[in-house]
C-alpha atoms as a PDB file:
ATOM      1  CA  MET A   1      14.795  33.756  15.503  1.00  0.00           C
ATOM      2  CA  GLY A   2      14.779  30.863  13.053  1.00  0.00           C
ATOM      3  CA  ARG A   3      14.872  27.487  13.972  1.00  0.00           C
ATOM      4  CA  LYS A   4      18.758  25.263  13.426  1.00  0.00           C
ATOM      5  CA  LYS A   5      18.336  22.465  11.742  1.00  0.00           C
ATOM      6  CA  LYS A   6      19.865  19.574  13.369  1.00  0.00           C
ATOM      7  CA  ASN A   7      22.363  17.658  11.691  1.00  0.00           C
ATOM      8  CA  ILE A   8      21.377  14.189  11.288  1.00  0.00           C
ATOM      9  CA  THR A   9      23.623  11.107   9.654  1.00  0.00           C
ATOM     10  CA  VAL A  10      21.939   8.439   8.748  1.00  0.00           C
ATOM     11  CA  ASP A  11      23.742   5.356   7.955  1.00  0.00           C
ATOM     12  CA  PRO A  12      23.844   4.160   3.853  1.00  0.00           C
ATOM     13  CA  GLU A  13      23.479   0.587   4.178  1.00  0.00           C
ATOM     14  CA  TYR A  14      20.453   1.307   6.209  1.00  0.00           C
ATOM     15  CA  LEU A  15      19.086   3.730   3.277  1.00  0.00           C
ATOM     16  CA  LYS A  16      19.734   0.690   1.437  1.00  0.00           C
ATOM     17  CA  LYS A  17      18.218  -2.118   2.916  1.00  0.00           C
ATOM     18  CA  GLN A  18      15.116   0.006   3.491  1.00  0.00           C
ATOM     19  CA  LYS A  19      15.112   0.726  -0.143  1.00  0.00           C
ATOM     20  CA  ALA A  20      15.230  -2.762  -1.192  1.00  0.00           C
ATOM     21  CA  SER A  21      12.737  -4.144   1.707  1.00  0.00           C
ATOM     22  CA  LEU A  22      10.180  -1.713  -0.453  1.00  0.00           C
ATOM     23  CA  LEU A  23      11.001  -3.391  -3.834  1.00  0.00           C
ATOM     24  CA  ARG A  24       8.163  -5.207  -5.751  1.00  0.00           C
ATOM     25  CA  ARG A  25       9.377  -8.001  -6.398  1.00  0.00           C
ATOM     26  CA  HIS A  26       6.067 -10.128  -7.203  1.00  0.00           C
ATOM     27  CA  ARG A  27       3.681  -9.566  -9.601  1.00  0.00           C
ATOM     28  CA  GLN A  28       0.019 -11.019  -9.439  1.00  0.00           C
ATOM     29  CA  VAL A  29      -2.782 -10.624 -12.199  1.00  0.00           C
ATOM     30  CA  ILE A  30      -6.269 -10.513 -11.592  1.00  0.00           C
ATOM     31  CA  TYR A  31      -9.209 -10.759 -13.687  1.00  0.00           C
ATOM     32  CA  LEU A  32     -12.511  -8.738 -13.482  1.00  0.00           C
ATOM     33  CA  ASN A  33     -15.679  -8.511 -15.031  1.00  0.00           C
ATOM     34  CA  ASP A  34     -17.502  -5.564 -17.158  1.00  0.00           C
ATOM     35  CA  ASN A  35     -19.251  -4.810 -13.938  1.00  0.00           C
ATOM     36  CA  GLU A  36     -16.317  -4.840 -11.604  1.00  0.00           C
ATOM     37  CA  MET A  37     -13.938  -2.836 -13.914  1.00  0.00           C
ATOM     38  CA  ALA A  38     -17.077  -0.626 -14.469  1.00  0.00           C
ATOM     39  CA  VAL A  39     -17.227   0.284 -10.690  1.00  0.00           C
ATOM     40  CA  ILE A  40     -13.363   0.508 -10.724  1.00  0.00           C
ATOM     41  CA  GLU A  41     -13.610   3.170 -13.539  1.00  0.00           C
ATOM     42  CA  GLU A  42     -16.676   5.591 -11.571  1.00  0.00           C
ATOM     43  CA  TYR A  43     -14.164   5.627  -8.729  1.00  0.00           C
ATOM     44  CA  CYS A  44     -10.750   6.414  -9.870  1.00  0.00           C
ATOM     45  CA  ARG A  45     -13.142   8.967 -12.216  1.00  0.00           C
ATOM     46  CA  ARG A  46     -15.267  10.349  -8.614  1.00  0.00           C
ATOM     47  CA  PHE A  47     -12.129  10.263  -6.547  1.00  0.00           C
ATOM     48  CA  ASN A  48      -9.479  11.305  -8.711  1.00  0.00           C
ATOM     49  CA  VAL A  49      -7.739   8.086  -8.585  1.00  0.00           C
ATOM     50  CA  ARG A  50      -4.885   7.844 -11.578  1.00  0.00           C
ATOM     51  CA  THR A  51      -2.927   4.980 -10.489  1.00  0.00           C
ATOM     52  CA  LYS A  52      -4.904   1.782 -10.140  1.00  0.00           C
ATOM     53  CA  ALA A  53      -2.288  -0.519  -8.602  1.00  0.00           C
ATOM     54  CA  SER A  54      -1.985   1.421  -5.448  1.00  0.00           C
ATOM     55  CA  LEU A  55      -5.860   1.197  -5.001  1.00  0.00           C
ATOM     56  CA  TYR A  56      -6.021  -2.641  -5.365  1.00  0.00           C
ATOM     57  CA  ARG A  57      -2.937  -2.925  -3.596  1.00  0.00           C
ATOM     58  CA  ALA A  58      -4.081  -0.609  -0.369  1.00  0.00           C
ATOM     59  CA  ALA A  59      -7.741  -2.508  -0.393  1.00  0.00           C
ATOM     60  CA  ILE A  60      -6.376  -5.710  -0.585  1.00  0.00           C
ATOM     61  CA  ILE A  61      -3.872  -4.820   2.304  1.00  0.00           C
ATOM     62  CA  SER A  62      -6.502  -3.213   4.170  1.00  0.00           C
ATOM     63  CA  ARG A  63      -8.774  -5.969   3.885  1.00  0.00           C
ATOM     64  CA  LEU A  64      -6.369  -8.472   4.658  1.00  0.00           C
ATOM     65  CA  LEU A  65      -5.428  -6.691   8.142  1.00  0.00           C
ATOM     66  CA  GLN A  66      -8.939  -6.142   9.113  1.00  0.00           C
ATOM     67  CA  GLU A  67      -9.575  -9.885   8.606  1.00  0.00           C
ATOM     68  CA  LEU A  68      -6.977 -10.641  10.500  1.00  0.00           C
ATOM     69  CA  ASP A  69      -7.686  -8.371  13.022  1.00  0.00           C
ATOM     70  CA  GLU A  70     -10.987  -9.918  13.410  1.00  0.00           C
ATOM     71  CA  ASN A  71      -9.815 -13.240  13.500  1.00  0.00           C
ATOM     72  CA  HIS A  72      -7.144 -13.065  15.643  1.00  0.00           C
ATOM     73  CA  PRO A  73      -6.478 -16.294  17.599  1.00  0.00           C
ATOM     74  CA  THR A  74      -7.791 -17.006  21.407  1.00  0.00           C
ATOM     75  CA  LEU A  75      -6.140 -19.333  23.989  1.00  0.00           C
ATOM     76  CA  PHE A  76      -9.379 -21.307  25.033  1.00  0.00           C
END
């Protein structure tokens, strides 16, 4: 006996807002020296990373979230 799929309908306006919120509109440019670029190239080669933008984005956001978590405001 197979499972029946539940027919779930999602509001198209909700989906439209979700998609719009994920759109990347803010461009940032960084400059790297030769050593930094060599490290990134080696990492991408070793771990089969094809899109450096996603690598930079993930690394930056994870670092920022880590620092925010470590330096959260205290009451006293």
